[in-house]
Amino acid sequence: MYVIVEIAGQQFKAEKGRKLYVHRLPGEENSSVSFDKVLLADNDGQVKVGAPVVEGASVKCKILKHLKDDKVLVFKKKRRTGYQKQNGHRQFLSQILVEEIVA
């Protein structure tokens, strides 16, 4: 069984026991969170598509840890003018574990 769930503005495929990296969630480590914006639920071939969400479906997760993603370098350059600029960014993430799917 899997579901497509919207977490912090992005869509993820969630299955029981799967770890996901999502944008930083408010909450402590080892705390549980629940998401009820389930867009699609598949239970062994029986597919329920929400309009816009599946009624009564939710995903219960546990926040494992907060971390930062790998650095992404942004480099800009213009030819023959001596202009070059480098900028780096590290996204704040949360690692969550899908514990239970209620559909």
PDB file of N, CA and C in Angstrom:
ATOM      1  N   MET A   1       0.838  -1.177   0.000  1.00  0.00           N
ATOM      2  CA  MET A   1       0.000   0.000   0.000  1.00  0.00           C
ATOM      3  C   MET A   1       0.883   1.240   0.000  1.00  0.00           C
ATOM      4  N   TYR A   2       0.526   2.196  -0.824  1.00  0.00           N
ATOM      5  CA  TYR A   2       1.235   3.471  -0.832  1.00  0.00           C
ATOM      6  C   TYR A   2       0.240   4.599  -1.057  1.00  0.00           C
ATOM      7  N   VAL A   3       0.672   5.803  -0.698  1.00  0.00           N
ATOM      8  CA  VAL A   3      -0.143   6.997  -0.896  1.00  0.00           C
ATOM      9  C   VAL A   3       0.744   8.110  -1.456  1.00  0.00           C
ATOM     10  N   ILE A   4       0.109   9.038  -2.137  1.00  0.00           N
ATOM     11  CA  ILE A   4       0.771  10.270  -2.545  1.00  0.00           C
ATOM     12  C   ILE A   4       0.264  11.351  -1.596  1.00  0.00           C
ATOM     13  N   VAL A   5       1.185  11.941  -0.839  1.00  0.00           N
ATOM     14  CA  VAL A   5       0.809  12.892   0.200  1.00  0.00           C
ATOM     15  C   VAL A   5       1.543  14.203  -0.041  1.00  0.00           C
ATOM     16  N   GLU A   6       0.875  15.310   0.287  1.00  0.00           N
ATOM     17  CA  GLU A   6       1.490  16.625   0.161  1.00  0.00           C
ATOM     18  C   GLU A   6       2.039  17.047   1.515  1.00  0.00           C
ATOM     19  N   ILE A   7       3.363  17.273   1.546  1.00  0.00           N
ATOM     20  CA  ILE A   7       4.047  17.667   2.772  1.00  0.00           C
ATOM     21  C   ILE A   7       4.833  18.930   2.472  1.00  0.00           C
ATOM     22  N   ALA A   8       4.517  20.004   3.163  1.00  0.00           N
ATOM     23  CA  ALA A   8       5.220  21.287   3.033  1.00  0.00           C
ATOM     24  C   ALA A   8       5.270  21.764   1.595  1.00  0.00           C
ATOM     25  N   GLY A   9       4.164  21.600   0.863  1.00  0.00           N
ATOM     26  CA  GLY A   9       4.072  22.112  -0.487  1.00  0.00           C
ATOM     27  C   GLY A   9       4.629  21.207  -1.567  1.00  0.00           C
ATOM     28  N   GLN A  10       5.142  20.033  -1.218  1.00  0.00           N
ATOM     29  CA  GLN A  10       5.672  19.092  -2.197  1.00  0.00           C
ATOM     30  C   GLN A  10       4.949  17.766  -2.067  1.00  0.00           C
ATOM     31  N   GLN A  11       4.923  16.994  -3.154  1.00  0.00           N
ATOM     32  CA  GLN A  11       4.245  15.705  -3.153  1.00  0.00           C
ATOM     33  C   GLN A  11       5.267  14.580  -3.018  1.00  0.00           C
ATOM     34  N   PHE A  12       4.943  13.609  -2.159  1.00  0.00           N
ATOM     35  CA  PHE A  12       5.826  12.484  -1.903  1.00  0.00           C
ATOM     36  C   PHE A  12       5.038  11.183  -1.975  1.00  0.00           C
ATOM     37  N   LYS A  13       5.721  10.116  -2.420  1.00  0.00           N
ATOM     38  CA  LYS A  13       5.149   8.783  -2.378  1.00  0.00           C
ATOM     39  C   LYS A  13       5.553   8.171  -1.041  1.00  0.00           C
ATOM     40  N   ALA A  14       4.573   7.825  -0.223  1.00  0.00           N
ATOM     41  CA  ALA A  14       4.839   7.340   1.121  1.00  0.00           C
ATOM     42  C   ALA A  14       4.368   5.896   1.250  1.00  0.00           C
ATOM     43  N   GLU A  15       5.246   5.049   1.774  1.00  0.00           N
ATOM     44  CA  GLU A  15       4.930   3.664   2.098  1.00  0.00           C
ATOM     45  C   GLU A  15       5.344   3.429   3.542  1.00  0.00           C
ATOM     46  N   LYS A  16       4.749   2.443   4.174  1.00  0.00           N
ATOM     47  CA  LYS A  16       5.063   2.167   5.571  1.00  0.00           C
ATOM     48  C   LYS A  16       6.523   1.745   5.683  1.00  0.00           C
ATOM     49  N   GLY A  17       7.236   2.366   6.625  1.00  0.00           N
ATOM     50  CA  GLY A  17       8.630   2.043   6.861  1.00  0.00           C
ATOM     51  C   GLY A  17       9.613   2.801   5.986  1.00  0.00           C
ATOM     52  N   ARG A  18       9.130   3.682   5.125  1.00  0.00           N
ATOM     53  CA  ARG A  18      10.011   4.418   4.223  1.00  0.00           C
ATOM     54  C   ARG A  18      10.450   5.724   4.874  1.00  0.00           C
ATOM     55  N   LYS A  19      11.723   6.098   4.642  1.00  0.00           N
ATOM     56  CA  LYS A  19      12.258   7.355   5.152  1.00  0.00           C
ATOM     57  C   LYS A  19      12.206   8.394   4.045  1.00  0.00           C
ATOM     58  N   LEU A  20      11.787   9.601   4.399  1.00  0.00           N
ATOM     59  CA  LEU A  20      11.666  10.697   3.445  1.00  0.00           C
ATOM     60  C   LEU A  20      12.431  11.905   3.955  1.00  0.00           C
ATOM     61  N   TYR A  21      12.995  12.670   3.027  1.00  0.00           N
ATOM     62  CA  TYR A  21      13.622  13.942   3.347  1.00  0.00           C
ATOM     63  C   TYR A  21      12.690  15.043   2.846  1.00  0.00           C
ATOM     64  N   VAL A  22      12.182  15.860   3.764  1.00  0.00           N
ATOM     65  CA  VAL A  22      11.241  16.922   3.430  1.00  0.00           C
ATOM     66  C   VAL A  22      11.794  18.248   3.940  1.00  0.00           C
ATOM     67  N   HIS A  23      11.205  19.355   3.487  1.00  0.00           N
ATOM     68  CA  HIS A  23      11.613  20.656   4.004  1.00  0.00           C
ATOM     69  C   HIS A  23      11.416  20.670   5.518  1.00  0.00           C
ATOM     70  N   ARG A  24      12.209  21.482   6.201  1.00  0.00           N
ATOM     71  CA  ARG A  24      12.236  21.510   7.667  1.00  0.00           C
ATOM     72  C   ARG A  24      10.838  21.672   8.228  1.00  0.00           C
ATOM     73  N   LEU A  25      10.480  20.742   9.124  1.00  0.00           N
ATOM     74  CA  LEU A  25       9.166  20.758   9.769  1.00  0.00           C
ATOM     75  C   LEU A  25       9.289  21.338  11.166  1.00  0.00           C
ATOM     76  N   PRO A  26       8.277  22.081  11.613  1.00  0.00           N
ATOM     77  CA  PRO A  26       8.302  22.529  13.000  1.00  0.00           C
ATOM     78  C   PRO A  26       8.034  21.339  13.910  1.00  0.00           C
ATOM     79  N   GLY A  27       8.820  21.179  14.917  1.00  0.00           N
ATOM     80  CA  GLY A  27       8.644  20.064  15.841  1.00  0.00           C
ATOM     81  C   GLY A  27       9.988  19.515  16.276  1.00  0.00           C
ATOM     82  N   GLU A  28       9.969  18.830  17.390  1.00  0.00           N
ATOM     83  CA  GLU A  28      11.184  18.265  17.965  1.00  0.00           C
ATOM     84  C   GLU A  28      11.517  16.930  17.294  1.00  0.00           C
ATOM     85  N   GLU A  29      12.774  16.515  17.439  1.00  0.00           N
ATOM     86  CA  GLU A  29      13.157  15.181  16.986  1.00  0.00           C
ATOM     87  C   GLU A  29      12.453  14.138  17.849  1.00  0.00           C
ATOM     88  N   ASN A  30      12.139  13.003  17.272  1.00  0.00           N
ATOM     89  CA  ASN A  30      11.419  11.889  17.900  1.00  0.00           C
ATOM     90  C   ASN A  30       9.975  12.240  18.244  1.00  0.00           C
ATOM     91  N   SER A  31       9.442  13.325  17.688  1.00  0.00           N
ATOM     92  CA  SER A  31       8.025  13.623  17.870  1.00  0.00           C
ATOM     93  C   SER A  31       7.267  13.123  16.646  1.00  0.00           C
ATOM     94  N   SER A  32       5.979  12.933  16.805  1.00  0.00           N
ATOM     95  CA  SER A  32       5.180  12.408  15.705  1.00  0.00           C
ATOM     96  C   SER A  32       4.368  13.537  15.085  1.00  0.00           C
ATOM     97  N   VAL A  33       4.186  13.436  13.771  1.00  0.00           N
ATOM     98  CA  VAL A  33       3.389  14.401  13.021  1.00  0.00           C
ATOM     99  C   VAL A  33       2.419  13.622  12.138  1.00  0.00           C
ATOM    100  N   SER A  34       1.335  14.276  11.781  1.00  0.00           N
ATOM    101  CA  SER A  34       0.329  13.639  10.944  1.00  0.00           C
ATOM    102  C   SER A  34       0.017  14.551   9.766  1.00  0.00           C
ATOM    103  N   PHE A  35      -0.120  13.959   8.591  1.00  0.00           N
ATOM    104  CA  PHE A  35      -0.444  14.705   7.381  1.00  0.00           C
ATOM    105  C   PHE A  35      -1.746  14.151   6.827  1.00  0.00           C
ATOM    106  N   ASP A  36      -2.689  15.057   6.544  1.00  0.00           N
ATOM    107  CA  ASP A  36      -3.990  14.605   6.060  1.00  0.00           C
ATOM    108  C   ASP A  36      -4.273  15.024   4.627  1.00  0.00           C
ATOM    109  N   LYS A  37      -3.317  15.618   3.944  1.00  0.00           N
ATOM    110  CA  LYS A  37      -3.494  15.978   2.535  1.00  0.00           C
ATOM    111  C   LYS A  37      -3.056  14.818   1.658  1.00  0.00           C
ATOM    112  N   VAL A  38      -3.828  13.747   1.682  1.00  0.00           N
ATOM    113  CA  VAL A  38      -3.547  12.564   0.871  1.00  0.00           C
ATOM    114  C   VAL A  38      -4.257  12.748  -0.464  1.00  0.00           C
ATOM    115  N   LEU A  39      -3.479  12.771  -1.548  1.00  0.00           N
ATOM    116  CA  LEU A  39      -4.034  13.040  -2.870  1.00  0.00           C
ATOM    117  C   LEU A  39      -4.447  11.768  -3.590  1.00  0.00           C
ATOM    118  N   LEU A  40      -3.768  10.640  -3.293  1.00  0.00           N
ATOM    119  CA  LEU A  40      -4.063   9.375  -3.953  1.00  0.00           C
ATOM    120  C   LEU A  40      -3.704   8.255  -2.991  1.00  0.00           C
ATOM    121  N   ALA A  41      -4.526   7.212  -2.970  1.00  0.00           N
ATOM    122  CA  ALA A  41      -4.257   6.044  -2.135  1.00  0.00           C
ATOM    123  C   ALA A  41      -4.387   4.796  -2.994  1.00  0.00           C
ATOM    124  N   ASP A  42      -3.383   3.906  -2.936  1.00  0.00           N
ATOM    125  CA  ASP A  42      -3.387   2.659  -3.701  1.00  0.00           C
ATOM    126  C   ASP A  42      -3.257   1.513  -2.706  1.00  0.00           C
ATOM    127  N   ASN A  43      -4.283   0.667  -2.651  1.00  0.00           N
ATOM    128  CA  ASN A  43      -4.270  -0.482  -1.762  1.00  0.00           C
ATOM    129  C   ASN A  43      -4.378  -1.747  -2.614  1.00  0.00           C
ATOM    130  N   ASP A  44      -3.239  -2.281  -3.037  1.00  0.00           N
ATOM    131  CA  ASP A  44      -3.153  -3.498  -3.847  1.00  0.00           C
ATOM    132  C   ASP A  44      -4.030  -3.419  -5.097  1.00  0.00           C
ATOM    133  N   GLY A  45      -3.880  -2.337  -5.842  1.00  0.00           N
ATOM    134  CA  GLY A  45      -4.613  -2.189  -7.097  1.00  0.00           C
ATOM    135  C   GLY A  45      -5.906  -1.416  -6.992  1.00  0.00           C
ATOM    136  N   GLN A  46      -6.426  -1.220  -5.797  1.00  0.00           N
ATOM    137  CA  GLN A  46      -7.635  -0.413  -5.610  1.00  0.00           C
ATOM    138  C   GLN A  46      -7.205   1.033  -5.384  1.00  0.00           C
ATOM    139  N   VAL A  47      -7.363   1.833  -6.415  1.00  0.00           N
ATOM    140  CA  VAL A  47      -6.868   3.205  -6.381  1.00  0.00           C
ATOM    141  C   VAL A  47      -8.012   4.159  -6.050  1.00  0.00           C
ATOM    142  N   LYS A  48      -7.763   5.035  -5.062  1.00  0.00           N
ATOM    143  CA  LYS A  48      -8.702   6.107  -4.727  1.00  0.00           C
ATOM    144  C   LYS A  48      -8.013   7.423  -5.036  1.00  0.00           C
ATOM    145  N   VAL A  49      -8.630   8.202  -5.899  1.00  0.00           N
ATOM    146  CA  VAL A  49      -8.086   9.508  -6.250  1.00  0.00           C
ATOM    147  C   VAL A  49      -8.949  10.563  -5.581  1.00  0.00           C
ATOM    148  N   GLY A  50      -8.317  11.475  -4.879  1.00  0.00           N
ATOM    149  CA  GLY A  50      -9.045  12.511  -4.164  1.00  0.00           C
ATOM    150  C   GLY A  50      -9.441  13.653  -5.069  1.00  0.00           C
ATOM    151  N   ALA A  51     -10.453  14.376  -4.644  1.00  0.00           N
ATOM    152  CA  ALA A  51     -10.896  15.554  -5.379  1.00  0.00           C
ATOM    153  C   ALA A  51     -11.127  16.692  -4.407  1.00  0.00           C
ATOM    154  N   PRO A  52     -10.174  17.410  -3.905  1.00  0.00           N
ATOM    155  CA  PRO A  52      -8.739  17.303  -4.149  1.00  0.00           C
ATOM    156  C   PRO A  52      -8.024  16.339  -3.215  1.00  0.00           C
ATOM    157  N   VAL A  53      -8.623  15.945  -2.076  1.00  0.00           N
ATOM    158  CA  VAL A  53      -7.961  15.009  -1.159  1.00  0.00           C
ATOM    159  C   VAL A  53      -8.873  13.815  -0.911  1.00  0.00           C
ATOM    160  N   VAL A  54      -8.270  12.702  -0.488  1.00  0.00           N
ATOM    161  CA  VAL A  54      -9.025  11.500  -0.143  1.00  0.00           C
ATOM    162  C   VAL A  54      -9.591  11.697   1.266  1.00  0.00           C
ATOM    163  N   GLU A  55     -10.888  11.526   1.412  1.00  0.00           N
ATOM    164  CA  GLU A  55     -11.548  11.759   2.700  1.00  0.00           C
ATOM    165  C   GLU A  55     -11.161  10.674   3.704  1.00  0.00           C
ATOM    166  N   GLY A  56     -10.831  11.090   4.907  1.00  0.00           N
ATOM    167  CA  GLY A  56     -10.539  10.158   5.991  1.00  0.00           C
ATOM    168  C   GLY A  56      -9.159   9.532   5.937  1.00  0.00           C
ATOM    169  N   ALA A  57      -8.334   9.891   4.983  1.00  0.00           N
ATOM    170  CA  ALA A  57      -6.999   9.309   4.866  1.00  0.00           C
ATOM    171  C   ALA A  57      -5.977  10.229   5.512  1.00  0.00           C
ATOM    172  N   SER A  58      -4.989   9.617   6.154  1.00  0.00           N
ATOM    173  CA  SER A  58      -3.913  10.394   6.759  1.00  0.00           C
ATOM    174  C   SER A  58      -2.659   9.531   6.848  1.00  0.00           C
ATOM    175  N   VAL A  59      -1.548  10.194   7.058  1.00  0.00           N
ATOM    176  CA  VAL A  59      -0.256   9.522   7.177  1.00  0.00           C
ATOM    177  C   VAL A  59       0.365   9.974   8.488  1.00  0.00           C
ATOM    178  N   LYS A  60       0.757   9.011   9.328  1.00  0.00           N
ATOM    179  CA  LYS A  60       1.395   9.322  10.601  1.00  0.00           C
ATOM    180  C   LYS A  60       2.881   9.044  10.473  1.00  0.00           C
ATOM    181  N   CYS A  61       3.686  10.060  10.809  1.00  0.00           N
ATOM    182  CA  CYS A  61       5.137   9.970  10.653  1.00  0.00           C
ATOM    183  C   CYS A  61       5.832  10.370  11.943  1.00  0.00           C
ATOM    184  N   LYS A  62       7.109   9.999  12.017  1.00  0.00           N
ATOM    185  CA  LYS A  62       7.946  10.351  13.155  1.00  0.00           C
ATOM    186  C   LYS A  62       9.146  11.117  12.625  1.00  0.00           C
ATOM    187  N   ILE A  63       9.456  12.256  13.237  1.00  0.00           N
ATOM    188  CA  ILE A  63      10.618  13.047  12.832  1.00  0.00           C
ATOM    189  C   ILE A  63      11.863  12.381  13.426  1.00  0.00           C
ATOM    190  N   LEU A  64      12.741  11.893  12.570  1.00  0.00           N
ATOM    191  CA  LEU A  64      13.958  11.233  13.038  1.00  0.00           C
ATOM    192  C   LEU A  64      15.036  12.237  13.394  1.00  0.00           C
ATOM    193  N   LYS A  65      15.306  13.184  12.486  1.00  0.00           N
ATOM    194  CA  LYS A  65      16.317  14.201  12.783  1.00  0.00           C
ATOM    195  C   LYS A  65      16.175  15.377  11.836  1.00  0.00           C
ATOM    196  N   HIS A  66      16.754  16.493  12.257  1.00  0.00           N
ATOM    197  CA  HIS A  66      16.840  17.688  11.433  1.00  0.00           C
ATOM    198  C   HIS A  66      18.269  17.788  10.919  1.00  0.00           C
ATOM    199  N   LEU A  67      18.420  18.131   9.655  1.00  0.00           N
ATOM    200  CA  LEU A  67      19.743  18.199   9.062  1.00  0.00           C
ATOM    201  C   LEU A  67      19.772  19.224   7.951  1.00  0.00           C
ATOM    202  N   LYS A  68      20.950  19.393   7.347  1.00  0.00           N
ATOM    203  CA  LYS A  68      21.114  20.296   6.223  1.00  0.00           C
ATOM    204  C   LYS A  68      21.527  19.479   5.007  1.00  0.00           C
ATOM    205  N   ASP A  69      21.015  19.862   3.847  1.00  0.00           N
ATOM    206  CA  ASP A  69      21.301  19.173   2.599  1.00  0.00           C
ATOM    207  C   ASP A  69      22.711  19.529   2.129  1.00  0.00           C
ATOM    208  N   ASP A  70      23.169  18.871   1.071  1.00  0.00           N
ATOM    209  CA  ASP A  70      24.466  19.179   0.486  1.00  0.00           C
ATOM    210  C   ASP A  70      24.458  20.602  -0.066  1.00  0.00           C
ATOM    211  N   LYS A  71      25.654  21.189  -0.120  1.00  0.00           N
ATOM    212  CA  LYS A  71      25.766  22.558  -0.608  1.00  0.00           C
ATOM    213  C   LYS A  71      25.571  22.595  -2.117  1.00  0.00           C
ATOM    214  N   VAL A  72      24.784  23.557  -2.559  1.00  0.00           N
ATOM    215  CA  VAL A  72      24.574  23.813  -3.980  1.00  0.00           C
ATOM    216  C   VAL A  72      25.282  25.125  -4.295  1.00  0.00           C
ATOM    217  N   LEU A  73      26.213  25.091  -5.259  1.00  0.00           N
ATOM    218  CA  LEU A  73      26.954  26.284  -5.638  1.00  0.00           C
ATOM    219  C   LEU A  73      26.320  26.921  -6.865  1.00  0.00           C
ATOM    220  N   VAL A  74      26.138  28.232  -6.797  1.00  0.00           N
ATOM    221  CA  VAL A  74      25.602  28.999  -7.915  1.00  0.00           C
ATOM    222  C   VAL A  74      26.725  29.931  -8.358  1.00  0.00           C
ATOM    223  N   PHE A  75      27.183  29.769  -9.594  1.00  0.00           N
ATOM    224  CA  PHE A  75      28.295  30.564 -10.108  1.00  0.00           C
ATOM    225  C   PHE A  75      27.828  31.352 -11.317  1.00  0.00           C
ATOM    226  N   LYS A  76      28.032  32.679 -11.281  1.00  0.00           N
ATOM    227  CA  LYS A  76      27.641  33.555 -12.385  1.00  0.00           C
ATOM    228  C   LYS A  76      28.895  34.219 -12.935  1.00  0.00           C
ATOM    229  N   LYS A  77      28.946  34.327 -14.254  1.00  0.00           N
ATOM    230  CA  LYS A  77      30.096  34.951 -14.891  1.00  0.00           C
ATOM    231  C   LYS A  77      29.655  35.628 -16.183  1.00  0.00           C
ATOM    232  N   LYS A  78      30.250  36.794 -16.465  1.00  0.00           N
ATOM    233  CA  LYS A  78      30.043  37.477 -17.741  1.00  0.00           C
ATOM    234  C   LYS A  78      31.405  37.611 -18.416  1.00  0.00           C
ATOM    235  N   ARG A  79      31.445  37.281 -19.661  1.00  0.00           N
ATOM    236  CA  ARG A  79      32.711  37.270 -20.377  1.00  0.00           C
ATOM    237  C   ARG A  79      33.312  38.671 -20.514  1.00  0.00           C
ATOM    238  N   ARG A  80      34.607  38.716 -20.435  1.00  0.00           N
ATOM    239  CA  ARG A  80      35.419  39.884 -20.762  1.00  0.00           C
ATOM    240  C   ARG A  80      35.154  41.118 -19.901  1.00  0.00           C
ATOM    241  N   THR A  81      34.388  40.992 -18.854  1.00  0.00           N
ATOM    242  CA  THR A  81      34.128  42.163 -18.007  1.00  0.00           C
ATOM    243  C   THR A  81      34.739  41.998 -16.618  1.00  0.00           C
ATOM    244  N   GLY A  82      35.245  40.824 -16.327  1.00  0.00           N
ATOM    245  CA  GLY A  82      35.803  40.586 -15.003  1.00  0.00           C
ATOM    246  C   GLY A  82      34.749  40.295 -13.956  1.00  0.00           C
ATOM    247  N   TYR A  83      33.491  40.165 -14.367  1.00  0.00           N
ATOM    248  CA  TYR A  83      32.410  39.921 -13.418  1.00  0.00           C
ATOM    249  C   TYR A  83      32.265  38.435 -13.172  1.00  0.00           C
ATOM    250  N   GLN A  84      32.417  38.049 -11.943  1.00  0.00           N
ATOM    251  CA  GLN A  84      32.070  36.689 -11.547  1.00  0.00           C
ATOM    252  C   GLN A  84      31.659  36.705 -10.083  1.00  0.00           C
ATOM    253  N   LYS A  85      30.669  35.868  -9.798  1.00  0.00           N
ATOM    254  CA  LYS A  85      30.095  35.838  -8.452  1.00  0.00           C
ATOM    255  C   LYS A  85      29.755  34.399  -8.119  1.00  0.00           C
ATOM    256  N   GLN A  86      30.073  33.985  -6.904  1.00  0.00           N
ATOM    257  CA  GLN A  86      29.760  32.635  -6.462  1.00  0.00           C
ATOM    258  C   GLN A  86      28.920  32.717  -5.191  1.00  0.00           C
ATOM    259  N   ASN A  87      27.877  31.884  -5.155  1.00  0.00           N
ATOM    260  CA  ASN A  87      26.968  31.885  -4.018  1.00  0.00           C
ATOM    261  C   ASN A  87      26.672  30.433  -3.657  1.00  0.00           C
ATOM    262  N   GLY A  88      26.571  30.141  -2.387  1.00  0.00           N
ATOM    263  CA  GLY A  88      26.258  28.785  -1.942  1.00  0.00           C
ATOM    264  C   GLY A  88      24.976  28.764  -1.134  1.00  0.00           C
ATOM    265  N   HIS A  89      24.345  27.587  -1.113  1.00  0.00           N
ATOM    266  CA  HIS A  89      23.080  27.437  -0.380  1.00  0.00           C
ATOM    267  C   HIS A  89      22.992  26.024   0.167  1.00  0.00           C
ATOM    268  N   ARG A  90      22.562  25.900   1.404  1.00  0.00           N
ATOM    269  CA  ARG A  90      22.280  24.597   2.008  1.00  0.00           C
ATOM    270  C   ARG A  90      20.861  24.624   2.545  1.00  0.00           C
ATOM    271  N   GLN A  91      20.025  23.714   2.037  1.00  0.00           N
ATOM    272  CA  GLN A  91      18.623  23.665   2.422  1.00  0.00           C
ATOM    273  C   GLN A  91      18.472  22.943   3.760  1.00  0.00           C
ATOM    274  N   PHE A  92      17.620  23.462   4.634  1.00  0.00           N
ATOM    275  CA  PHE A  92      17.300  22.805   5.892  1.00  0.00           C
ATOM    276  C   PHE A  92      16.267  21.713   5.634  1.00  0.00           C
ATOM    277  N   LEU A  93      16.529  20.492   6.089  1.00  0.00           N
ATOM    278  CA  LEU A  93      15.655  19.356   5.851  1.00  0.00           C
ATOM    279  C   LEU A  93      15.297  18.666   7.147  1.00  0.00           C
ATOM    280  N   SER A  94      14.259  17.846   7.085  1.00  0.00           N
ATOM    281  CA  SER A  94      13.884  16.949   8.171  1.00  0.00           C
ATOM    282  C   SER A  94      13.771  15.542   7.596  1.00  0.00           C
ATOM    283  N   GLN A  95      14.327  14.573   8.303  1.00  0.00           N
ATOM    284  CA  GLN A  95      14.182  13.180   7.894  1.00  0.00           C
ATOM    285  C   GLN A  95      13.033  12.589   8.703  1.00  0.00           C
ATOM    286  N   ILE A  96      12.032  12.055   7.989  1.00  0.00           N
ATOM    287  CA  ILE A  96      10.875  11.484   8.670  1.00  0.00           C
ATOM    288  C   ILE A  96      10.728  10.017   8.290  1.00  0.00           C
ATOM    289  N   LEU A  97      10.123   9.260   9.166  1.00  0.00           N
ATOM    290  CA  LEU A  97       9.844   7.846   8.958  1.00  0.00           C
ATOM    291  C   LEU A  97       8.333   7.666   8.940  1.00  0.00           C
ATOM    292  N   VAL A  98       7.821   7.029   7.872  1.00  0.00           N
ATOM    293  CA  VAL A  98       6.384   6.787   7.759  1.00  0.00           C
ATOM    294  C   VAL A  98       6.053   5.586   8.641  1.00  0.00           C
ATOM    295  N   GLU A  99       5.243   5.805   9.673  1.00  0.00           N
ATOM    296  CA  GLU A  99       4.913   4.744  10.615  1.00  0.00           C
ATOM    297  C   GLU A  99       3.596   4.057  10.287  1.00  0.00           C
ATOM    298  N   GLU A 100       2.600   4.842   9.843  1.00  0.00           N
ATOM    299  CA  GLU A 100       1.278   4.268   9.635  1.00  0.00           C
ATOM    300  C   GLU A 100       0.533   5.041   8.557  1.00  0.00           C
ATOM    301  N   ILE A 101      -0.206   4.303   7.740  1.00  0.00           N
ATOM    302  CA  ILE A 101      -1.057   4.907   6.709  1.00  0.00           C
ATOM    303  C   ILE A 101      -2.495   4.531   7.006  1.00  0.00           C
ATOM    304  N   VAL A 102      -3.339   5.532   7.217  1.00  0.00           N
ATOM    305  CA  VAL A 102      -4.762   5.297   7.459  1.00  0.00           C
ATOM    306  C   VAL A 102      -5.516   5.731   6.206  1.00  0.00           C
ATOM    307  N   ALA A 103      -6.132   4.763   5.518  1.00  0.00           N
ATOM    308  CA  ALA A 103      -6.844   5.116   4.292  1.00  0.00           C
ATOM    309  C   ALA A 103      -8.221   4.476   4.266  1.00  0.00           C
TER     310      ALA A 103
END
